[in-house]
Amino acid sequence: DLATEENMARTVATMMAGDDNLSMASEALSQTGLSTMLDGPSSYT
């Protein structure tokens, strides 16, 4: 896995939203408000 400059400029939530294979999980995070947390400065897996 490569932590590219492009990826390092994106948050976990942004990465999910841009991945066609994760659209349902991304939509679920948005619906619940958890995407806001994953767009913040704290680190999550």
PDB file of all heavy atoms in Angstrom:
ATOM      1  N   ASP A   1       0.864  -1.180   0.000  1.00  0.00           N
ATOM      2  CA  ASP A   1       0.000   0.000   0.000  1.00  0.00           C
ATOM      3  C   ASP A   1       0.895   1.222   0.000  1.00  0.00           C
ATOM      4  O   ASP A   1       1.905   1.256   0.664  1.00  0.00           O
ATOM      5  CB  ASP A   1      -0.869   0.046   1.255  1.00  0.00           C
ATOM      6  CG  ASP A   1      -1.570  -1.253   1.497  1.00  0.00           C
ATOM      7  OD1 ASP A   1      -1.950  -1.926   0.536  1.00  0.00           O
ATOM      8  OD2 ASP A   1      -1.721  -1.593   2.673  1.00  0.00           O
ATOM      9  N   LEU A   2       0.496   2.220  -0.720  1.00  0.00           N
ATOM     10  CA  LEU A   2       1.316   3.408  -0.801  1.00  0.00           C
ATOM     11  C   LEU A   2       0.544   4.596  -0.271  1.00  0.00           C
ATOM     12  O   LEU A   2      -0.568   4.863  -0.699  1.00  0.00           O
ATOM     13  CB  LEU A   2       1.736   3.644  -2.253  1.00  0.00           C
ATOM     14  CG  LEU A   2       2.823   4.676  -2.488  1.00  0.00           C
ATOM     15  CD1 LEU A   2       4.097   4.281  -1.745  1.00  0.00           C
ATOM     16  CD2 LEU A   2       3.103   4.777  -3.969  1.00  0.00           C
ATOM     17  N   ALA A   3       1.160   5.274   0.669  1.00  0.00           N
ATOM     18  CA  ALA A   3       0.577   6.501   1.192  1.00  0.00           C
ATOM     19  C   ALA A   3       1.023   7.613   0.253  1.00  0.00           C
ATOM     20  O   ALA A   3       1.997   8.288   0.499  1.00  0.00           O
ATOM     21  CB  ALA A   3       1.047   6.748   2.621  1.00  0.00           C
ATOM     22  N   THR A   4       0.329   7.753  -0.848  1.00  0.00           N
ATOM     23  CA  THR A   4       0.707   8.731  -1.863  1.00  0.00           C
ATOM     24  C   THR A   4       0.392  10.140  -1.398  1.00  0.00           C
ATOM     25  O   THR A   4      -0.415  10.346  -0.485  1.00  0.00           O
ATOM     26  CB  THR A   4      -0.034   8.461  -3.182  1.00  0.00           C
ATOM     27  OG1 THR A   4      -1.433   8.648  -2.955  1.00  0.00           O
ATOM     28  CG2 THR A   4       0.232   7.060  -3.701  1.00  0.00           C
ATOM     29  N   GLU A   5       1.020  11.098  -2.050  1.00  0.00           N
ATOM     30  CA  GLU A   5       0.729  12.494  -1.726  1.00  0.00           C
ATOM     31  C   GLU A   5      -0.748  12.791  -1.942  1.00  0.00           C
ATOM     32  O   GLU A   5      -1.359  13.514  -1.164  1.00  0.00           O
ATOM     33  CB  GLU A   5       1.598  13.435  -2.564  1.00  0.00           C
ATOM     34  CG  GLU A   5       3.034  13.471  -2.092  1.00  0.00           C
ATOM     35  CD  GLU A   5       3.860  14.513  -2.818  1.00  0.00           C
ATOM     36  OE1 GLU A   5       3.323  15.608  -3.091  1.00  0.00           O
ATOM     37  OE2 GLU A   5       5.020  14.230  -3.099  1.00  0.00           O
ATOM     38  N   GLU A   6      -1.320  12.208  -3.009  1.00  0.00           N
ATOM     39  CA  GLU A   6      -2.741  12.422  -3.294  1.00  0.00           C
ATOM     40  C   GLU A   6      -3.600  11.889  -2.146  1.00  0.00           C
ATOM     41  O   GLU A   6      -4.519  12.567  -1.676  1.00  0.00           O
ATOM     42  CB  GLU A   6      -3.138  11.727  -4.594  1.00  0.00           C
ATOM     43  CG  GLU A   6      -4.605  11.865  -4.931  1.00  0.00           C
ATOM     44  CD  GLU A   6      -4.997  11.076  -6.166  1.00  0.00           C
ATOM     45  OE1 GLU A   6      -4.124  10.608  -6.899  1.00  0.00           O
ATOM     46  OE2 GLU A   6      -6.220  10.941  -6.377  1.00  0.00           O
ATOM     47  N   ASN A   7      -3.329  10.665  -1.685  1.00  0.00           N
ATOM     48  CA  ASN A   7      -4.106  10.090  -0.586  1.00  0.00           C
ATOM     49  C   ASN A   7      -3.894  10.860   0.709  1.00  0.00           C
ATOM     50  O   ASN A   7      -4.829  11.038   1.480  1.00  0.00           O
ATOM     51  CB  ASN A   7      -3.754   8.620  -0.376  1.00  0.00           C
ATOM     52  CG  ASN A   7      -4.359   7.729  -1.425  1.00  0.00           C
ATOM     53  OD1 ASN A   7      -5.144   8.168  -2.263  1.00  0.00           O
ATOM     54  ND2 ASN A   7      -3.979   6.479  -1.401  1.00  0.00           N
ATOM     55  N   MET A   8      -2.655  11.280   0.963  1.00  0.00           N
ATOM     56  CA  MET A   8      -2.370  11.983   2.206  1.00  0.00           C
ATOM     57  C   MET A   8      -3.052  13.349   2.260  1.00  0.00           C
ATOM     58  O   MET A   8      -3.162  13.946   3.316  1.00  0.00           O
ATOM     59  CB  MET A   8      -0.854  12.119   2.408  1.00  0.00           C
ATOM     60  CG  MET A   8      -0.165  10.769   2.651  1.00  0.00           C
ATOM     61  SD  MET A   8      -0.825   9.850   4.065  1.00  0.00           S
ATOM     62  CE  MET A   8      -0.280  10.895   5.402  1.00  0.00           C
ATOM     63  N   ALA A   9      -3.515  13.852   1.128  1.00  0.00           N
ATOM     64  CA  ALA A   9      -4.238  15.121   1.095  1.00  0.00           C
ATOM     65  C   ALA A   9      -5.734  14.899   1.292  1.00  0.00           C
ATOM     66  O   ALA A   9      -6.497  15.856   1.373  1.00  0.00           O
ATOM     67  CB  ALA A   9      -3.979  15.834  -0.229  1.00  0.00           C
ATOM     68  N   ARG A  10      -6.169  13.635   1.366  1.00  0.00           N
ATOM     69  CA  ARG A  10      -7.593  13.306   1.498  1.00  0.00           C
ATOM     70  C   ARG A  10      -7.860  12.667   2.856  1.00  0.00           C
ATOM     71  O   ARG A  10      -7.028  11.961   3.397  1.00  0.00           O
ATOM     72  CB  ARG A  10      -7.988  12.332   0.386  1.00  0.00           C
ATOM     73  CG  ARG A  10      -7.808  12.936  -0.993  1.00  0.00           C
ATOM     74  CD  ARG A  10      -7.841  11.928  -2.106  1.00  0.00           C
ATOM     75  NE  ARG A  10      -9.072  11.147  -2.101  1.00  0.00           N
ATOM     76  CZ  ARG A  10      -9.220  10.029  -2.785  1.00  0.00           C
ATOM     77  NH1 ARG A  10      -8.234   9.532  -3.491  1.00  0.00           N
ATOM     78  NH2 ARG A  10     -10.360   9.377  -2.755  1.00  0.00           N
ATOM     79  N   THR A  11      -9.051  12.895   3.372  1.00  0.00           N
ATOM     80  CA  THR A  11      -9.447  12.258   4.626  1.00  0.00           C
ATOM     81  C   THR A  11     -10.026  10.873   4.336  1.00  0.00           C
ATOM     82  O   THR A  11     -10.339  10.552   3.186  1.00  0.00           O
ATOM     83  CB  THR A  11     -10.518  13.092   5.359  1.00  0.00           C
ATOM     84  OG1 THR A  11     -11.700  13.121   4.545  1.00  0.00           O
ATOM     85  CG2 THR A  11     -10.028  14.494   5.669  1.00  0.00           C
ATOM     86  N   VAL A  12     -10.203  10.087   5.380  1.00  0.00           N
ATOM     87  CA  VAL A  12     -10.806   8.765   5.231  1.00  0.00           C
ATOM     88  C   VAL A  12     -12.192   8.892   4.599  1.00  0.00           C
ATOM     89  O   VAL A  12     -12.536   8.137   3.676  1.00  0.00           O
ATOM     90  CB  VAL A  12     -10.875   8.033   6.585  1.00  0.00           C
ATOM     91  CG1 VAL A  12     -11.655   6.736   6.466  1.00  0.00           C
ATOM     92  CG2 VAL A  12      -9.473   7.751   7.120  1.00  0.00           C
ATOM     93  N   ALA A  13     -12.987   9.844   5.062  1.00  0.00           N
ATOM     94  CA  ALA A  13     -14.341  10.022   4.525  1.00  0.00           C
ATOM     95  C   ALA A  13     -14.305  10.390   3.049  1.00  0.00           C
ATOM     96  O   ALA A  13     -15.106   9.884   2.252  1.00  0.00           O
ATOM     97  CB  ALA A  13     -15.097  11.086   5.318  1.00  0.00           C
ATOM     98  N   THR A  14     -13.388  11.251   2.656  1.00  0.00           N
ATOM     99  CA  THR A  14     -13.262  11.655   1.255  1.00  0.00           C
ATOM    100  C   THR A  14     -12.837  10.475   0.391  1.00  0.00           C
ATOM    101  O   THR A  14     -13.339  10.300  -0.724  1.00  0.00           O
ATOM    102  CB  THR A  14     -12.256  12.812   1.120  1.00  0.00           C
ATOM    103  OG1 THR A  14     -12.688  13.884   1.951  1.00  0.00           O
ATOM    104  CG2 THR A  14     -12.155  13.299  -0.303  1.00  0.00           C
ATOM    105  N   MET A  15     -11.912   9.663   0.900  1.00  0.00           N
ATOM    106  CA  MET A  15     -11.486   8.469   0.156  1.00  0.00           C
ATOM    107  C   MET A  15     -12.653   7.520  -0.075  1.00  0.00           C
ATOM    108  O   MET A  15     -12.821   6.981  -1.160  1.00  0.00           O
ATOM    109  CB  MET A  15     -10.395   7.720   0.918  1.00  0.00           C
ATOM    110  CG  MET A  15      -9.037   8.213   0.688  1.00  0.00           C
ATOM    111  SD  MET A  15      -7.921   7.087   1.553  1.00  0.00           S
ATOM    112  CE  MET A  15      -6.447   7.560   0.761  1.00  0.00           C
ATOM    113  N   MET A  16     -13.434   7.296   0.974  1.00  0.00           N
ATOM    114  CA  MET A  16     -14.586   6.400   0.846  1.00  0.00           C
ATOM    115  C   MET A  16     -15.576   6.936  -0.173  1.00  0.00           C
ATOM    116  O   MET A  16     -16.089   6.186  -0.998  1.00  0.00           O
ATOM    117  CB  MET A  16     -15.277   6.198   2.195  1.00  0.00           C
ATOM    118  CG  MET A  16     -14.509   5.292   3.114  1.00  0.00           C
ATOM    119  SD  MET A  16     -15.390   5.002   4.649  1.00  0.00           S
ATOM    120  CE  MET A  16     -16.763   4.028   4.056  1.00  0.00           C
ATOM    121  N   ALA A  17     -15.849   8.226  -0.105  1.00  0.00           N
ATOM    122  CA  ALA A  17     -16.823   8.833  -1.007  1.00  0.00           C
ATOM    123  C   ALA A  17     -16.378   8.735  -2.464  1.00  0.00           C
ATOM    124  O   ALA A  17     -17.215   8.671  -3.366  1.00  0.00           O
ATOM    125  CB  ALA A  17     -17.054  10.288  -0.633  1.00  0.00           C
ATOM    126  N   GLY A  18     -15.073   8.674  -2.696  1.00  0.00           N
ATOM    127  CA  GLY A  18     -14.564   8.597  -4.050  1.00  0.00           C
ATOM    128  C   GLY A  18     -14.335   7.191  -4.565  1.00  0.00           C
ATOM    129  O   GLY A  18     -13.887   7.012  -5.692  1.00  0.00           O
ATOM    130  N   ASP A  19     -14.642   6.188  -3.760  1.00  0.00           N
ATOM    131  CA  ASP A  19     -14.413   4.799  -4.158  1.00  0.00           C
ATOM    132  C   ASP A  19     -15.735   4.149  -4.534  1.00  0.00           C
ATOM    133  O   ASP A  19     -16.615   3.970  -3.692  1.00  0.00           O
ATOM    134  CB  ASP A  19     -13.751   4.031  -3.014  1.00  0.00           C
ATOM    135  CG  ASP A  19     -13.259   2.659  -3.423  1.00  0.00           C
ATOM    136  OD1 ASP A  19     -13.990   1.938  -4.141  1.00  0.00           O
ATOM    137  OD2 ASP A  19     -12.154   2.290  -2.995  1.00  0.00           O
ATOM    138  N   ASP A  20     -15.879   3.775  -5.804  1.00  0.00           N
ATOM    139  CA  ASP A  20     -17.135   3.191  -6.300  1.00  0.00           C
ATOM    140  C   ASP A  20     -17.517   1.907  -5.575  1.00  0.00           C
ATOM    141  O   ASP A  20     -18.700   1.579  -5.491  1.00  0.00           O
ATOM    142  CB  ASP A  20     -17.045   2.916  -7.800  1.00  0.00           C
ATOM    143  CG  ASP A  20     -17.011   4.190  -8.618  1.00  0.00           C
ATOM    144  OD1 ASP A  20     -17.431   5.249  -8.103  1.00  0.00           O
ATOM    145  OD2 ASP A  20     -16.544   4.136  -9.773  1.00  0.00           O
ATOM    146  N   ASN A  21     -16.563   1.168  -5.055  1.00  0.00           N
ATOM    147  CA  ASN A  21     -16.844  -0.092  -4.353  1.00  0.00           C
ATOM    148  C   ASN A  21     -17.269   0.119  -2.905  1.00  0.00           C
ATOM    149  O   ASN A  21     -17.639  -0.834  -2.224  1.00  0.00           O
ATOM    150  CB  ASN A  21     -15.625  -1.023  -4.399  1.00  0.00           C
ATOM    151  CG  ASN A  21     -15.365  -1.528  -5.788  1.00  0.00           C
ATOM    152  OD1 ASN A  21     -16.290  -1.840  -6.531  1.00  0.00           O
ATOM    153  ND2 ASN A  21     -14.102  -1.587  -6.158  1.00  0.00           N
ATOM    154  N   LEU A  22     -17.197   1.357  -2.422  1.00  0.00           N
ATOM    155  CA  LEU A  22     -17.569   1.655  -1.037  1.00  0.00           C
ATOM    156  C   LEU A  22     -18.731   2.645  -0.957  1.00  0.00           C
ATOM    157  O   LEU A  22     -18.935   3.294   0.060  1.00  0.00           O
ATOM    158  CB  LEU A  22     -16.353   2.209  -0.274  1.00  0.00           C
ATOM    159  CG  LEU A  22     -15.167   1.260  -0.148  1.00  0.00           C
ATOM    160  CD1 LEU A  22     -13.962   1.990   0.441  1.00  0.00           C
ATOM    161  CD2 LEU A  22     -15.534   0.045   0.699  1.00  0.00           C
ATOM    162  N   SER A  23     -19.517   2.744  -2.018  1.00  0.00           N
ATOM    163  CA  SER A  23     -20.573   3.761  -2.054  1.00  0.00           C
ATOM    164  C   SER A  23     -21.640   3.541  -0.984  1.00  0.00           C
ATOM    165  O   SER A  23     -22.136   4.501  -0.394  1.00  0.00           O
ATOM    166  CB  SER A  23     -21.210   3.835  -3.442  1.00  0.00           C
ATOM    167  OG  SER A  23     -21.827   2.614  -3.777  1.00  0.00           O
ATOM    168  N   MET A  24     -21.994   2.285  -0.695  1.00  0.00           N
ATOM    169  CA  MET A  24     -23.031   2.039   0.314  1.00  0.00           C
ATOM    170  C   MET A  24     -22.519   2.364   1.718  1.00  0.00           C
ATOM    171  O   MET A  24     -23.234   2.986   2.517  1.00  0.00           O
ATOM    172  CB  MET A  24     -23.527   0.593   0.237  1.00  0.00           C
ATOM    173  CG  MET A  24     -24.296   0.297  -1.045  1.00  0.00           C
ATOM    174  SD  MET A  24     -24.917  -1.381  -1.121  1.00  0.00           S
ATOM    175  CE  MET A  24     -26.429  -1.179  -0.170  1.00  0.00           C
ATOM    176  N   ALA A  25     -21.289   1.987   2.022  1.00  0.00           N
ATOM    177  CA  ALA A  25     -20.713   2.306   3.334  1.00  0.00           C
ATOM    178  C   ALA A  25     -20.557   3.819   3.480  1.00  0.00           C
ATOM    179  O   ALA A  25     -20.844   4.381   4.542  1.00  0.00           O
ATOM    180  CB  ALA A  25     -19.376   1.598   3.524  1.00  0.00           C
ATOM    181  N   SER A  26     -20.130   4.481   2.412  1.00  0.00           N
ATOM    182  CA  SER A  26     -19.981   5.933   2.442  1.00  0.00           C
ATOM    183  C   SER A  26     -21.330   6.613   2.657  1.00  0.00           C
ATOM    184  O   SER A  26     -21.452   7.548   3.462  1.00  0.00           O
ATOM    185  CB  SER A  26     -19.342   6.422   1.141  1.00  0.00           C
ATOM    186  OG  SER A  26     -19.207   7.813   1.157  1.00  0.00           O
ATOM    187  N   GLU A  27     -22.358   6.137   1.955  1.00  0.00           N
ATOM    188  CA  GLU A  27     -23.710   6.694   2.120  1.00  0.00           C
ATOM    189  C   GLU A  27     -24.210   6.483   3.554  1.00  0.00           C
ATOM    190  O   GLU A  27     -24.808   7.369   4.152  1.00  0.00           O
ATOM    191  CB  GLU A  27     -24.666   6.035   1.127  1.00  0.00           C
ATOM    192  CG  GLU A  27     -26.064   6.606   1.162  1.00  0.00           C
ATOM    193  CD  GLU A  27     -26.995   5.952   0.152  1.00  0.00           C
ATOM    194  OE1 GLU A  27     -26.524   5.342  -0.826  1.00  0.00           O
ATOM    195  OE2 GLU A  27     -28.222   6.046   0.366  1.00  0.00           O
ATOM    196  N   ALA A  28     -23.940   5.300   4.110  1.00  0.00           N
ATOM    197  CA  ALA A  28     -24.362   5.010   5.482  1.00  0.00           C
ATOM    198  C   ALA A  28     -23.657   5.935   6.469  1.00  0.00           C
ATOM    199  O   ALA A  28     -24.287   6.444   7.412  1.00  0.00           O
ATOM    200  CB  ALA A  28     -24.076   3.549   5.822  1.00  0.00           C
ATOM    201  N   LEU A  29     -22.372   6.180   6.267  1.00  0.00           N
ATOM    202  CA  LEU A  29     -21.641   7.100   7.149  1.00  0.00           C
ATOM    203  C   LEU A  29     -22.201   8.508   7.050  1.00  0.00           C
ATOM    204  O   LEU A  29     -22.337   9.200   8.055  1.00  0.00           O
ATOM    205  CB  LEU A  29     -20.155   7.091   6.813  1.00  0.00           C
ATOM    206  CG  LEU A  29     -19.393   5.844   7.251  1.00  0.00           C
ATOM    207  CD1 LEU A  29     -18.011   5.813   6.614  1.00  0.00           C
ATOM    208  CD2 LEU A  29     -19.284   5.764   8.766  1.00  0.00           C
ATOM    209  N   SER A  30     -22.540   8.935   5.849  1.00  0.00           N
ATOM    210  CA  SER A  30     -23.118  10.270   5.661  1.00  0.00           C
ATOM    211  C   SER A  30     -24.476  10.378   6.333  1.00  0.00           C
ATOM    212  O   SER A  30     -24.768  11.361   7.016  1.00  0.00           O
ATOM    213  CB  SER A  30     -23.265  10.591   4.172  1.00  0.00           C
ATOM    214  OG  SER A  30     -22.012  10.728   3.584  1.00  0.00           O
ATOM    215  N   GLN A  31     -25.294   9.354   6.147  1.00  0.00           N
ATOM    216  CA  GLN A  31     -26.640   9.362   6.724  1.00  0.00           C
ATOM    217  C   GLN A  31     -26.608   9.438   8.250  1.00  0.00           C
ATOM    218  O   GLN A  31     -27.472  10.058   8.860  1.00  0.00           O
ATOM    219  CB  GLN A  31     -27.404   8.116   6.284  1.00  0.00           C
ATOM    220  CG  GLN A  31     -28.830   8.072   6.811  1.00  0.00           C
ATOM    221  CD  GLN A  31     -29.574   6.853   6.294  1.00  0.00           C
ATOM    222  OE1 GLN A  31     -29.386   6.434   5.173  1.00  0.00           O
ATOM    223  NE2 GLN A  31     -30.434   6.305   7.128  1.00  0.00           N
ATOM    224  N   THR A  32     -25.617   8.815   8.846  1.00  0.00           N
ATOM    225  CA  THR A  32     -25.553   8.777  10.307  1.00  0.00           C
ATOM    226  C   THR A  32     -24.770   9.935  10.910  1.00  0.00           C
ATOM    227  O   THR A  32     -24.746  10.103  12.120  1.00  0.00           O
ATOM    228  CB  THR A  32     -24.888   7.464  10.774  1.00  0.00           C
ATOM    229  OG1 THR A  32     -23.557   7.416  10.244  1.00  0.00           O
ATOM    230  CG2 THR A  32     -25.684   6.257  10.345  1.00  0.00           C
ATOM    231  N   GLY A  33     -24.105  10.720  10.069  1.00  0.00           N
ATOM    232  CA  GLY A  33     -23.288  11.824  10.568  1.00  0.00           C
ATOM    233  C   GLY A  33     -21.869  11.421  10.919  1.00  0.00           C
ATOM    234  O   GLY A  33     -21.055  12.271  11.278  1.00  0.00           O
ATOM    235  N   LEU A  34     -21.547  10.131  10.811  1.00  0.00           N
ATOM    236  CA  LEU A  34     -20.197   9.676  11.144  1.00  0.00           C
ATOM    237  C   LEU A  34     -19.162  10.144  10.131  1.00  0.00           C
ATOM    238  O   LEU A  34     -17.969  10.232  10.453  1.00  0.00           O
ATOM    239  CB  LEU A  34     -20.160   8.154  11.276  1.00  0.00           C
ATOM    240  CG  LEU A  34     -20.891   7.580  12.482  1.00  0.00           C
ATOM    241  CD1 LEU A  34     -20.974   6.066  12.388  1.00  0.00           C
ATOM    242  CD2 LEU A  34     -20.213   8.010  13.778  1.00  0.00           C
ATOM    243  N   SER A  35     -19.585  10.490   8.922  1.00  0.00           N
ATOM    244  CA  SER A  35     -18.627  10.967   7.922  1.00  0.00           C
ATOM    245  C   SER A  35     -17.994  12.286   8.360  1.00  0.00           C
ATOM    246  O   SER A  35     -16.836  12.556   8.051  1.00  0.00           O
ATOM    247  CB  SER A  35     -19.281  11.106   6.550  1.00  0.00           C
ATOM    248  OG  SER A  35     -20.324  12.041   6.591  1.00  0.00           O
ATOM    249  N   THR A  36     -18.732  13.091   9.101  1.00  0.00           N
ATOM    250  CA  THR A  36     -18.187  14.347   9.614  1.00  0.00           C
ATOM    251  C   THR A  36     -17.005  14.072  10.537  1.00  0.00           C
ATOM    252  O   THR A  36     -15.972  14.738  10.460  1.00  0.00           O
ATOM    253  CB  THR A  36     -19.278  15.136  10.366  1.00  0.00           C
ATOM    254  OG1 THR A  36     -20.368  15.352   9.473  1.00  0.00           O
ATOM    255  CG2 THR A  36     -18.758  16.462  10.863  1.00  0.00           C
ATOM    256  N   MET A  37     -17.148  13.073  11.397  1.00  0.00           N
ATOM    257  CA  MET A  37     -16.068  12.687  12.301  1.00  0.00           C
ATOM    258  C   MET A  37     -14.858  12.215  11.487  1.00  0.00           C
ATOM    259  O   MET A  37     -13.724  12.555  11.802  1.00  0.00           O
ATOM    260  CB  MET A  37     -16.549  11.569  13.234  1.00  0.00           C
ATOM    261  CG  MET A  37     -15.471  10.994  14.127  1.00  0.00           C
ATOM    262  SD  MET A  37     -16.065   9.569  15.057  1.00  0.00           S
ATOM    263  CE  MET A  37     -16.075   8.314  13.771  1.00  0.00           C
ATOM    264  N   LEU A  38     -15.103  11.440  10.422  1.00  0.00           N
ATOM    265  CA  LEU A  38     -14.016  10.897   9.612  1.00  0.00           C
ATOM    266  C   LEU A  38     -13.422  11.927   8.655  1.00  0.00           C
ATOM    267  O   LEU A  38     -12.465  11.633   7.955  1.00  0.00           O
ATOM    268  CB  LEU A  38     -14.502   9.669   8.838  1.00  0.00           C
ATOM    269  CG  LEU A  38     -14.955   8.498   9.705  1.00  0.00           C
ATOM    270  CD1 LEU A  38     -15.510   7.379   8.842  1.00  0.00           C
ATOM    271  CD2 LEU A  38     -13.824   7.992  10.586  1.00  0.00           C
ATOM    272  N   ASP A  39     -13.978  13.128   8.632  1.00  0.00           N
ATOM    273  CA  ASP A  39     -13.416  14.231   7.864  1.00  0.00           C
ATOM    274  C   ASP A  39     -12.596  15.154   8.764  1.00  0.00           C
ATOM    275  O   ASP A  39     -11.969  16.085   8.283  1.00  0.00           O
ATOM    276  CB  ASP A  39     -14.536  15.056   7.209  1.00  0.00           C
ATOM    277  CG  ASP A  39     -14.586  14.880   5.717  1.00  0.00           C
ATOM    278  OD1 ASP A  39     -13.588  14.413   5.130  1.00  0.00           O
ATOM    279  OD2 ASP A  39     -15.632  15.199   5.128  1.00  0.00           O
ATOM    280  N   GLY A  40     -12.596  14.876  10.065  1.00  0.00           N
ATOM    281  CA  GLY A  40     -11.901  15.717  11.034  1.00  0.00           C
ATOM    282  C   GLY A  40     -10.437  15.355  11.199  1.00  0.00           C
ATOM    283  O   GLY A  40      -9.896  14.492  10.509  1.00  0.00           O
ATOM    284  N   PRO A  41      -9.792  15.995  12.171  1.00  0.00           N
ATOM    285  CA  PRO A  41      -8.352  15.810  12.355  1.00  0.00           C
ATOM    286  C   PRO A  41      -7.951  14.542  13.125  1.00  0.00           C
ATOM    287  O   PRO A  41      -6.805  14.122  13.047  1.00  0.00           O
ATOM    288  CB  PRO A  41      -7.946  17.054  13.141  1.00  0.00           C
ATOM    289  CG  PRO A  41      -9.172  17.399  13.933  1.00  0.00           C
ATOM    290  CD  PRO A  41     -10.332  17.038  13.036  1.00  0.00           C
ATOM    291  N   SER A  42      -8.851  13.940  13.850  1.00  0.00           N
ATOM    292  CA  SER A  42      -8.506  12.744  14.627  1.00  0.00           C
ATOM    293  C   SER A  42      -8.277  11.559  13.702  1.00  0.00           C
ATOM    294  O   SER A  42      -8.859  11.474  12.630  1.00  0.00           O
ATOM    295  CB  SER A  42      -9.618  12.403  15.619  1.00  0.00           C
ATOM    296  OG  SER A  42      -9.746  13.445  16.558  1.00  0.00           O
ATOM    297  N   SER A  43      -7.431  10.626  14.141  1.00  0.00           N
ATOM    298  CA  SER A  43      -7.093   9.459  13.325  1.00  0.00           C
ATOM    299  C   SER A  43      -7.990   8.272  13.640  1.00  0.00           C
ATOM    300  O   SER A  43      -8.249   7.981  14.808  1.00  0.00           O
ATOM    301  CB  SER A  43      -5.644   9.048  13.571  1.00  0.00           C
ATOM    302  OG  SER A  43      -4.772  10.019  13.074  1.00  0.00           O
ATOM    303  N   TYR A  44      -8.413   7.583  12.583  1.00  0.00           N
ATOM    304  CA  TYR A  44      -9.248   6.399  12.712  1.00  0.00           C
ATOM    305  C   TYR A  44      -8.839   5.349  11.688  1.00  0.00           C
ATOM    306  O   TYR A  44      -8.345   5.677  10.609  1.00  0.00           O
ATOM    307  CB  TYR A  44     -10.729   6.741  12.470  1.00  0.00           C
ATOM    308  CG  TYR A  44     -11.279   7.717  13.460  1.00  0.00           C
ATOM    309  CD1 TYR A  44     -11.361   9.069  13.152  1.00  0.00           C
ATOM    310  CD2 TYR A  44     -11.687   7.286  14.718  1.00  0.00           C
ATOM    311  CE1 TYR A  44     -11.853   9.977  14.081  1.00  0.00           C
ATOM    312  CE2 TYR A  44     -12.180   8.192  15.645  1.00  0.00           C
ATOM    313  CZ  TYR A  44     -12.251   9.538  15.319  1.00  0.00           C
ATOM    314  OH  TYR A  44     -12.724  10.431  16.236  1.00  0.00           O
ATOM    315  N   THR A  45      -9.097   4.107  12.022  1.00  0.00           N
ATOM    316  CA  THR A  45      -8.982   3.005  11.076  1.00  0.00           C
ATOM    317  C   THR A  45     -10.402   2.559  10.803  1.00  0.00           C
ATOM    318  O   THR A  45     -11.133   2.196  11.731  1.00  0.00           O
ATOM    319  CB  THR A  45      -8.148   1.852  11.670  1.00  0.00           C
ATOM    320  OG1 THR A  45      -6.845   2.358  11.967  1.00  0.00           O
ATOM    321  CG2 THR A  45      -8.050   0.692  10.694  1.00  0.00           C
TER     322      THR A  45
END
